[in-house]
Amino acid sequence: MAHSDFRTPRLFVTADLAPGMAVPLEREQANYLLNVLRLADGAAVLVFNGRDGEFRTRIAVHGKRAAALVPEERSRPQPADPDLLYLFAPLKHARLDYMVQKAVEMGVGRMRPVMTRHTQASRVNLDRMRANVIEAAEQCGVLHVPPVEDDIALDRLLAGWEAAEPGRRLLFCDEAEDTTDPVPALQALGPGPLALLIGPEGGFSADERRGLRALPYVTAIPLGPRILRADTAAVAALAVIQATIGDWR
C-alpha cells in the first residue's frame, strides 16, 4: 500500500483541506462511515481531495445520520501530478470499470475515451468512469485523482493533436509489430510527455493503423508474443511504460 496505514479508512472529498477546518460529509459518505464501517465519534479517517495532500481526520458525529471530518494534521503532501495521458477505446460494463481502476493504480495523469471504428460500446458513461477513478484512488492510497475527459473520435483526436498536446509523443499498442519486445522502442524515446492509446477489443482497423503509423509523433509498440484482451493490454502497457521510462525507475 502507498499510504502509511492501510487499516485506516480513506475517503475522497471535494472540499479544501486544512488543519481544524471541518469538512461536512455528504449523506452517502456519512452512512458509509457510521453504518457500514460502524465508526464511532472520534474515529480516525484519512482524507484527500487531489489538491491539498492527505490529512488524518477525526469524525465528529452530529445525530444519527450526519457527521463531519475534522483534519488534525497532514499525513502526506500532494505530489506533482503525473503527466501520462491515457487514451482508450471504451469497453462494456465491468471490464471498462476494471480498466479505469487499474489505470489509476498504475499512475496515469489524465484519461480520455476514444471512439474507434471497432469500438463496441456506443455510449460512454463518464460519471461511472469518474466514480471508478475515485474508488480506485481511495482504495490504493493514490493522491492524484485523474480527470476523465470527454470522449472523442480517433480521427478528431489525431487531427487536433499537435495543437492540443504540443510535444507529447503518442504510443499505440500494435499487435502487428515485427518484434514482440516493447522495451527498445520505449528506451529510444527522448525526454518529454507521453500518451498511451489502447485500441478496442477488435483492434484498430487497417486504415487506423496506417494513419497512426504515418504520424511523426506516434510510436508503435508491441506487447509480447501473445494477443491480449484490451483490458489486459492496458495494464501490461502501463506497467512496461512505467517500469522502462516512467515513475517506477
C-alpha atoms as a PDB file:
ATOM      1  CA  MET A   1       0.000   0.000   0.000  1.00  0.00           C
ATOM      2  CA  ALA A   2       1.157   3.524  -0.784  1.00  0.00           C
ATOM      3  CA  HIS A   3      -0.347   5.235   2.253  1.00  0.00           C
ATOM      4  CA  SER A   4       1.032   4.975   5.761  1.00  0.00           C
ATOM      5  CA  ASP A   5      -1.759   2.978   7.442  1.00  0.00           C
ATOM      6  CA  PHE A   6      -3.789   0.628   5.273  1.00  0.00           C
ATOM      7  CA  ARG A   7      -6.110  -0.179   8.200  1.00  0.00           C
ATOM      8  CA  THR A   8      -7.421   3.406   8.468  1.00  0.00           C
ATOM      9  CA  PRO A   9     -10.449   4.151   6.249  1.00  0.00           C
ATOM     10  CA  ARG A  10      -9.713   6.539   3.413  1.00  0.00           C
ATOM     11  CA  LEU A  11     -12.149   8.961   1.797  1.00  0.00           C
ATOM     12  CA  PHE A  12     -12.140  11.399  -1.116  1.00  0.00           C
ATOM     13  CA  VAL A  13     -13.780  14.793  -0.564  1.00  0.00           C
ATOM     14  CA  THR A  14     -14.133  17.833  -2.789  1.00  0.00           C
ATOM     15  CA  ALA A  15     -13.714  20.444  -0.027  1.00  0.00           C
ATOM     16  CA  ASP A  16     -10.471  22.268   0.711  1.00  0.00           C
ATOM     17  CA  LEU A  17      -8.422  20.676   3.488  1.00  0.00           C
ATOM     18  CA  ALA A  18      -6.580  22.447   6.299  1.00  0.00           C
ATOM     19  CA  PRO A  19      -5.968  21.611   9.983  1.00  0.00           C
ATOM     20  CA  GLY A  20      -9.006  22.350  12.142  1.00  0.00           C
ATOM     21  CA  MET A  21     -11.290  23.201   9.212  1.00  0.00           C
ATOM     22  CA  ALA A  22     -14.253  20.818   9.495  1.00  0.00           C
ATOM     23  CA  VAL A  23     -15.434  19.069   6.326  1.00  0.00           C
ATOM     24  CA  PRO A  24     -19.181  18.246   6.307  1.00  0.00           C
ATOM     25  CA  LEU A  25     -19.873  14.805   4.896  1.00  0.00           C
ATOM     26  CA  GLU A  26     -22.434  14.038   2.228  1.00  0.00           C
ATOM     27  CA  ARG A  27     -25.229  11.724   3.360  1.00  0.00           C
ATOM     28  CA  GLU A  28     -23.809   8.732   1.476  1.00  0.00           C
ATOM     29  CA  GLN A  29     -20.356   9.282   2.969  1.00  0.00           C
ATOM     30  CA  ALA A  30     -21.718   9.624   6.492  1.00  0.00           C
ATOM     31  CA  ASN A  31     -23.778   6.479   6.046  1.00  0.00           C
ATOM     32  CA  TYR A  32     -20.727   4.582   4.809  1.00  0.00           C
ATOM     33  CA  LEU A  33     -18.542   5.593   7.751  1.00  0.00           C
ATOM     34  CA  LEU A  34     -21.152   5.383  10.501  1.00  0.00           C
ATOM     35  CA  ASN A  35     -23.387   2.499   9.407  1.00  0.00           C
ATOM     36  CA  VAL A  36     -21.303   0.372   7.041  1.00  0.00           C
ATOM     37  CA  LEU A  37     -17.917   0.683   8.749  1.00  0.00           C
ATOM     38  CA  ARG A  38     -19.567   1.380  12.140  1.00  0.00           C
ATOM     39  CA  LEU A  39     -17.055   4.053  13.108  1.00  0.00           C
ATOM     40  CA  ALA A  40     -17.700   5.972  16.312  1.00  0.00           C
ATOM     41  CA  ASP A  41     -17.289   9.623  17.175  1.00  0.00           C
ATOM     42  CA  GLY A  42     -13.575  10.469  17.214  1.00  0.00           C
ATOM     43  CA  ALA A  43     -12.505   7.601  14.924  1.00  0.00           C
ATOM     44  CA  ALA A  44      -9.631   8.280  12.537  1.00  0.00           C
ATOM     45  CA  VAL A  45     -10.176   8.670   8.785  1.00  0.00           C
ATOM     46  CA  LEU A  46      -7.642   9.582   6.098  1.00  0.00           C
ATOM     47  CA  VAL A  47      -8.972  12.209   3.710  1.00  0.00           C
ATOM     48  CA  PHE A  48      -7.722  13.622   0.393  1.00  0.00           C
ATOM     49  CA  ASN A  49      -9.079  15.889  -2.331  1.00  0.00           C
ATOM     50  CA  GLY A  50      -6.471  15.584  -5.078  1.00  0.00           C
ATOM     51  CA  ARG A  51      -5.081  19.065  -4.304  1.00  0.00           C
ATOM     52  CA  ASP A  52      -4.025  19.506  -0.694  1.00  0.00           C
ATOM     53  CA  GLY A  53      -2.401  16.182   0.124  1.00  0.00           C
ATOM     54  CA  GLU A  54      -3.715  13.628   2.592  1.00  0.00           C
ATOM     55  CA  PHE A  55      -4.954  14.539   6.089  1.00  0.00           C
ATOM     56  CA  ARG A  56      -5.572  12.491   9.192  1.00  0.00           C
ATOM     57  CA  THR A  57      -9.004  13.494  10.467  1.00  0.00           C
ATOM     58  CA  ARG A  58     -11.393  12.610  13.285  1.00  0.00           C
ATOM     59  CA  ILE A  59     -15.116  12.012  12.876  1.00  0.00           C
ATOM     60  CA  ALA A  60     -17.433  14.452  14.590  1.00  0.00           C
ATOM     61  CA  VAL A  61     -20.866  12.792  14.728  1.00  0.00           C
ATOM     62  CA  HIS A  62     -23.972  15.012  14.602  1.00  0.00           C
ATOM     63  CA  GLY A  63     -27.005  12.868  15.402  1.00  0.00           C
ATOM     64  CA  LYS A  64     -27.685   9.530  13.727  1.00  0.00           C
ATOM     65  CA  ARG A  65     -27.195  10.464  10.082  1.00  0.00           C
ATOM     66  CA  ALA A  66     -24.875  13.468   9.892  1.00  0.00           C
ATOM     67  CA  ALA A  67     -21.177  13.818  10.540  1.00  0.00           C
ATOM     68  CA  ALA A  68     -18.163  15.925   9.687  1.00  0.00           C
ATOM     69  CA  LEU A  69     -14.451  15.228   9.495  1.00  0.00           C
ATOM     70  CA  VAL A  70     -12.037  17.485  11.353  1.00  0.00           C
ATOM     71  CA  PRO A  71      -8.492  17.492   9.878  1.00  0.00           C
ATOM     72  CA  GLU A  72      -5.770  17.286  12.516  1.00  0.00           C
ATOM     73  CA  GLU A  73      -2.551  17.085  10.528  1.00  0.00           C
ATOM     74  CA  ARG A  74      -1.318  16.473   7.008  1.00  0.00           C
ATOM     75  CA  SER A  75      -0.108  12.882   6.747  1.00  0.00           C
ATOM     76  CA  ARG A  76       1.268  13.216   3.192  1.00  0.00           C
ATOM     77  CA  PRO A  77       1.932  16.226   0.948  1.00  0.00           C
ATOM     78  CA  GLN A  78       0.391  16.437  -2.500  1.00  0.00           C
ATOM     79  CA  PRO A  79       2.870  15.159  -5.105  1.00  0.00           C
ATOM     80  CA  ALA A  80       3.261  16.605  -8.581  1.00  0.00           C
ATOM     81  CA  ASP A  81       0.589  15.341 -10.958  1.00  0.00           C
ATOM     82  CA  PRO A  82       1.752  12.501 -13.216  1.00  0.00           C
ATOM     83  CA  ASP A  83       1.953  13.508 -16.870  1.00  0.00           C
ATOM     84  CA  LEU A  84       0.952  10.274 -18.610  1.00  0.00           C
ATOM     85  CA  LEU A  85      -2.175  10.721 -20.742  1.00  0.00           C
ATOM     86  CA  TYR A  86      -4.170   7.501 -21.066  1.00  0.00           C
ATOM     87  CA  LEU A  87      -6.393   7.126 -24.133  1.00  0.00           C
ATOM     88  CA  PHE A  88      -8.571   4.051 -24.581  1.00  0.00           C
ATOM     89  CA  ALA A  89     -11.396   2.667 -26.649  1.00  0.00           C
ATOM     90  CA  PRO A  90     -14.251   2.070 -24.175  1.00  0.00           C
ATOM     91  CA  LEU A  91     -15.239  -1.498 -23.347  1.00  0.00           C
ATOM     92  CA  LYS A  92     -18.529  -2.685 -21.912  1.00  0.00           C
ATOM     93  CA  HIS A  93     -19.611  -2.602 -18.280  1.00  0.00           C
ATOM     94  CA  ALA A  94     -17.418  -4.400 -15.750  1.00  0.00           C
ATOM     95  CA  ARG A  95     -14.367  -4.698 -17.991  1.00  0.00           C
ATOM     96  CA  LEU A  96     -14.342  -0.930 -18.505  1.00  0.00           C
ATOM     97  CA  ASP A  97     -14.635  -0.433 -14.743  1.00  0.00           C
ATOM     98  CA  TYR A  98     -11.611  -2.690 -14.298  1.00  0.00           C
ATOM     99  CA  MET A  99      -9.608  -0.844 -16.956  1.00  0.00           C
ATOM    100  CA  VAL A 100     -10.285   2.569 -15.421  1.00  0.00           C
ATOM    101  CA  GLN A 101      -9.476   1.405 -11.894  1.00  0.00           C
ATOM    102  CA  LYS A 102      -6.195  -0.197 -12.956  1.00  0.00           C
ATOM    103  CA  ALA A 103      -5.162   2.922 -14.880  1.00  0.00           C
ATOM    104  CA  VAL A 104      -5.497   4.943 -11.665  1.00  0.00           C
ATOM    105  CA  GLU A 105      -3.411   2.376  -9.772  1.00  0.00           C
ATOM    106  CA  MET A 106      -0.753   2.480 -12.500  1.00  0.00           C
ATOM    107  CA  GLY A 107      -0.291   6.246 -12.181  1.00  0.00           C
ATOM    108  CA  VAL A 108      -1.929   7.893 -15.188  1.00  0.00           C
ATOM    109  CA  GLY A 109      -2.333  11.666 -15.099  1.00  0.00           C
ATOM    110  CA  ARG A 110      -5.416  12.058 -17.291  1.00  0.00           C
ATOM    111  CA  MET A 111      -7.673   9.678 -19.178  1.00  0.00           C
ATOM    112  CA  ARG A 112      -9.942  10.032 -22.170  1.00  0.00           C
ATOM    113  CA  PRO A 113     -12.214   7.587 -24.031  1.00  0.00           C
ATOM    114  CA  VAL A 114     -11.510   7.397 -27.767  1.00  0.00           C
ATOM    115  CA  MET A 115     -14.093   6.093 -30.230  1.00  0.00           C
ATOM    116  CA  THR A 116     -12.574   3.942 -32.979  1.00  0.00           C
ATOM    117  CA  ARG A 117     -14.055   2.037 -35.888  1.00  0.00           C
ATOM    118  CA  HIS A 118     -14.266  -1.243 -33.943  1.00  0.00           C
ATOM    119  CA  THR A 119     -15.296   0.225 -30.587  1.00  0.00           C
ATOM    120  CA  GLN A 120     -18.155  -1.917 -29.283  1.00  0.00           C
ATOM    121  CA  ALA A 121     -19.577   0.490 -26.705  1.00  0.00           C
ATOM    122  CA  SER A 122     -21.785   3.051 -28.448  1.00  0.00           C
ATOM    123  CA  ARG A 123     -22.365   5.196 -25.342  1.00  0.00           C
ATOM    124  CA  VAL A 124     -19.881   6.288 -22.707  1.00  0.00           C
ATOM    125  CA  ASN A 125     -20.912   6.789 -19.077  1.00  0.00           C
ATOM    126  CA  LEU A 126     -18.404   9.407 -17.929  1.00  0.00           C
ATOM    127  CA  ASP A 127     -19.974   9.714 -14.470  1.00  0.00           C
ATOM    128  CA  ARG A 128     -19.470   5.992 -13.880  1.00  0.00           C
ATOM    129  CA  MET A 129     -15.853   6.256 -15.018  1.00  0.00           C
ATOM    130  CA  ARG A 130     -15.232   9.173 -12.658  1.00  0.00           C
ATOM    131  CA  ALA A 131     -16.793   7.257  -9.772  1.00  0.00           C
ATOM    132  CA  ASN A 132     -14.453   4.342 -10.512  1.00  0.00           C
ATOM    133  CA  VAL A 133     -11.480   6.723 -10.535  1.00  0.00           C
ATOM    134  CA  ILE A 134     -12.374   7.968  -7.056  1.00  0.00           C
ATOM    135  CA  GLU A 135     -12.990   4.475  -5.708  1.00  0.00           C
ATOM    136  CA  ALA A 136      -9.618   3.265  -7.001  1.00  0.00           C
ATOM    137  CA  ALA A 137      -7.826   6.288  -5.548  1.00  0.00           C
ATOM    138  CA  GLU A 138      -9.474   5.739  -2.161  1.00  0.00           C
ATOM    139  CA  GLN A 139      -8.561   2.053  -2.041  1.00  0.00           C
ATOM    140  CA  CYS A 140      -4.998   2.278  -3.318  1.00  0.00           C
ATOM    141  CA  GLY A 141      -3.563   5.251  -1.463  1.00  0.00           C
ATOM    142  CA  VAL A 142      -3.374   7.398  -4.593  1.00  0.00           C
ATOM    143  CA  LEU A 143      -3.422  11.169  -4.007  1.00  0.00           C
ATOM    144  CA  HIS A 144      -3.811  12.291  -7.617  1.00  0.00           C
ATOM    145  CA  VAL A 145      -7.342  11.854  -8.977  1.00  0.00           C
ATOM    146  CA  PRO A 146      -7.032  11.655 -12.779  1.00  0.00           C
ATOM    147  CA  PRO A 147      -9.663  13.693 -14.595  1.00  0.00           C
ATOM    148  CA  VAL A 148     -11.765  11.819 -17.147  1.00  0.00           C
ATOM    149  CA  GLU A 149     -12.109  13.978 -20.244  1.00  0.00           C
ATOM    150  CA  ASP A 150     -14.988  13.851 -22.717  1.00  0.00           C
ATOM    151  CA  ASP A 151     -14.910  11.082 -25.298  1.00  0.00           C
ATOM    152  CA  ILE A 152     -13.628  11.921 -28.767  1.00  0.00           C
ATOM    153  CA  ALA A 153     -13.448  10.200 -32.154  1.00  0.00           C
ATOM    154  CA  LEU A 154      -9.984   8.942 -33.087  1.00  0.00           C
ATOM    155  CA  ASP A 155      -9.787  10.992 -36.286  1.00  0.00           C
ATOM    156  CA  ARG A 156     -10.677  14.207 -34.414  1.00  0.00           C
ATOM    157  CA  LEU A 157      -8.162  13.401 -31.696  1.00  0.00           C
ATOM    158  CA  LEU A 158      -5.357  12.963 -34.208  1.00  0.00           C
ATOM    159  CA  ALA A 159      -6.350  15.978 -36.326  1.00  0.00           C
ATOM    160  CA  GLY A 160      -6.028  18.297 -33.334  1.00  0.00           C
ATOM    161  CA  TRP A 161      -3.194  16.508 -31.564  1.00  0.00           C
ATOM    162  CA  GLU A 162      -0.257  18.840 -32.182  1.00  0.00           C
ATOM    163  CA  ALA A 163      -2.299  21.898 -31.199  1.00  0.00           C
ATOM    164  CA  ALA A 164      -3.856  20.298 -28.098  1.00  0.00           C
ATOM    165  CA  GLU A 165      -0.831  18.256 -26.936  1.00  0.00           C
ATOM    166  CA  PRO A 166       2.290  20.046 -28.236  1.00  0.00           C
ATOM    167  CA  GLY A 167       5.436  17.978 -27.855  1.00  0.00           C
ATOM    168  CA  ARG A 168       3.629  14.903 -26.499  1.00  0.00           C
ATOM    169  CA  ARG A 169       4.554  11.541 -28.026  1.00  0.00           C
ATOM    170  CA  LEU A 170       1.703   9.100 -28.658  1.00  0.00           C
ATOM    171  CA  LEU A 171       2.355   5.396 -28.084  1.00  0.00           C
ATOM    172  CA  PHE A 172      -0.066   2.886 -29.511  1.00  0.00           C
ATOM    173  CA  CYS A 173      -0.085  -0.854 -28.979  1.00  0.00           C
ATOM    174  CA  ASP A 174       0.155  -2.640 -32.322  1.00  0.00           C
ATOM    175  CA  GLU A 175      -0.002  -6.433 -32.370  1.00  0.00           C
ATOM    176  CA  ALA A 176       1.273  -6.372 -35.967  1.00  0.00           C
ATOM    177  CA  GLU A 177       4.736  -5.167 -34.916  1.00  0.00           C
ATOM    178  CA  ASP A 178       7.631  -7.283 -36.252  1.00  0.00           C
ATOM    179  CA  THR A 179       9.141  -7.614 -32.778  1.00  0.00           C
ATOM    180  CA  THR A 180       7.482  -8.714 -29.540  1.00  0.00           C
ATOM    181  CA  ASP A 181       9.704  -6.652 -27.231  1.00  0.00           C
ATOM    182  CA  PRO A 182       8.431  -3.130 -26.413  1.00  0.00           C
ATOM    183  CA  VAL A 183      11.475  -2.086 -24.363  1.00  0.00           C
ATOM    184  CA  PRO A 184      13.855  -0.967 -27.178  1.00  0.00           C
ATOM    185  CA  ALA A 185      11.208   1.297 -28.721  1.00  0.00           C
ATOM    186  CA  LEU A 186      10.482   2.851 -25.344  1.00  0.00           C
ATOM    187  CA  GLN A 187      14.129   3.342 -24.469  1.00  0.00           C
ATOM    188  CA  ALA A 188      14.711   5.061 -27.822  1.00  0.00           C
ATOM    189  CA  LEU A 189      12.234   7.810 -26.993  1.00  0.00           C
ATOM    190  CA  GLY A 190      13.666  11.153 -25.982  1.00  0.00           C
ATOM    191  CA  PRO A 191      12.511  13.058 -22.905  1.00  0.00           C
ATOM    192  CA  GLY A 192       9.094  14.620 -22.964  1.00  0.00           C
ATOM    193  CA  PRO A 193       5.440  13.976 -22.132  1.00  0.00           C
ATOM    194  CA  LEU A 194       3.785  10.751 -23.274  1.00  0.00           C
ATOM    195  CA  ALA A 195       0.344   9.435 -24.116  1.00  0.00           C
ATOM    196  CA  LEU A 196      -0.728   5.800 -24.440  1.00  0.00           C
ATOM    197  CA  LEU A 197      -3.500   4.705 -26.810  1.00  0.00           C
ATOM    198  CA  ILE A 198      -5.201   1.323 -26.248  1.00  0.00           C
ATOM    199  CA  GLY A 199      -7.445   0.089 -29.037  1.00  0.00           C
ATOM    200  CA  PRO A 200     -10.786  -1.712 -28.880  1.00  0.00           C
ATOM    201  CA  GLU A 201     -11.434  -5.426 -28.463  1.00  0.00           C
ATOM    202  CA  GLY A 202     -11.342  -5.962 -32.222  1.00  0.00           C
ATOM    203  CA  GLY A 203      -8.145  -3.945 -32.633  1.00  0.00           C
ATOM    204  CA  PHE A 204      -7.530  -0.928 -34.819  1.00  0.00           C
ATOM    205  CA  SER A 205      -8.751  -1.097 -38.403  1.00  0.00           C
ATOM    206  CA  ALA A 206      -6.157  -1.302 -41.181  1.00  0.00           C
ATOM    207  CA  ASP A 207      -6.828   2.344 -42.107  1.00  0.00           C
ATOM    208  CA  GLU A 208      -6.492   3.474 -38.494  1.00  0.00           C
ATOM    209  CA  ARG A 209      -3.221   1.584 -38.092  1.00  0.00           C
ATOM    210  CA  ARG A 210      -1.774   3.049 -41.308  1.00  0.00           C
ATOM    211  CA  GLY A 211      -2.888   6.532 -40.285  1.00  0.00           C
ATOM    212  CA  LEU A 212      -1.293   6.234 -36.854  1.00  0.00           C
ATOM    213  CA  ARG A 213       1.974   4.913 -38.230  1.00  0.00           C
ATOM    214  CA  ALA A 214       2.211   7.799 -40.699  1.00  0.00           C
ATOM    215  CA  LEU A 215       2.182  10.460 -37.989  1.00  0.00           C
ATOM    216  CA  PRO A 216       5.556  11.852 -36.859  1.00  0.00           C
ATOM    217  CA  TYR A 217       4.627  11.970 -33.168  1.00  0.00           C
ATOM    218  CA  VAL A 218       3.436   8.338 -32.998  1.00  0.00           C
ATOM    219  CA  THR A 219       5.454   5.301 -31.874  1.00  0.00           C
ATOM    220  CA  ALA A 220       4.049   1.773 -32.223  1.00  0.00           C
ATOM    221  CA  ILE A 221       4.956  -0.741 -29.533  1.00  0.00           C
ATOM    222  CA  PRO A 222       4.236  -4.485 -29.243  1.00  0.00           C
ATOM    223  CA  LEU A 223       3.123  -6.230 -26.065  1.00  0.00           C
ATOM    224  CA  GLY A 224       4.784  -9.615 -26.239  1.00  0.00           C
ATOM    225  CA  PRO A 225       4.190 -12.767 -28.265  1.00  0.00           C
ATOM    226  CA  ARG A 226       0.527 -13.273 -27.333  1.00  0.00           C
ATOM    227  CA  ILE A 227      -2.600 -11.383 -28.340  1.00  0.00           C
ATOM    228  CA  LEU A 228      -4.041  -9.699 -25.245  1.00  0.00           C
ATOM    229  CA  ARG A 229      -7.561  -8.641 -24.463  1.00  0.00           C
ATOM    230  CA  ALA A 230      -7.942  -4.872 -24.399  1.00  0.00           C
ATOM    231  CA  ASP A 231      -8.197  -4.593 -20.604  1.00  0.00           C
ATOM    232  CA  THR A 232      -5.163  -6.862 -20.149  1.00  0.00           C
ATOM    233  CA  ALA A 233      -3.236  -4.907 -22.786  1.00  0.00           C
ATOM    234  CA  ALA A 234      -3.928  -1.679 -20.893  1.00  0.00           C
ATOM    235  CA  VAL A 235      -2.391  -2.983 -17.662  1.00  0.00           C
ATOM    236  CA  ALA A 236       0.548  -4.593 -19.500  1.00  0.00           C
ATOM    237  CA  ALA A 237       1.321  -1.443 -21.493  1.00  0.00           C
ATOM    238  CA  LEU A 238       1.118   0.860 -18.479  1.00  0.00           C
ATOM    239  CA  ALA A 239       3.346  -1.484 -16.474  1.00  0.00           C
ATOM    240  CA  VAL A 240       6.064  -1.700 -19.115  1.00  0.00           C
ATOM    241  CA  ILE A 241       5.995   2.071 -19.700  1.00  0.00           C
ATOM    242  CA  GLN A 242       6.253   2.884 -16.007  1.00  0.00           C
ATOM    243  CA  ALA A 243       8.987   0.296 -15.468  1.00  0.00           C
ATOM    244  CA  THR A 244      11.046   1.309 -18.507  1.00  0.00           C
ATOM    245  CA  ILE A 245      10.737   5.092 -18.749  1.00  0.00           C
ATOM    246  CA  GLY A 246       8.151   6.076 -16.141  1.00  0.00           C
ATOM    247  CA  ASP A 247       7.951   6.637 -12.405  1.00  0.00           C
ATOM    248  CA  TRP A 248       8.841   3.073 -11.335  1.00  0.00           C
ATOM    249  CA  ARG A 249      12.507   3.667 -12.051  1.00  0.00           C
END
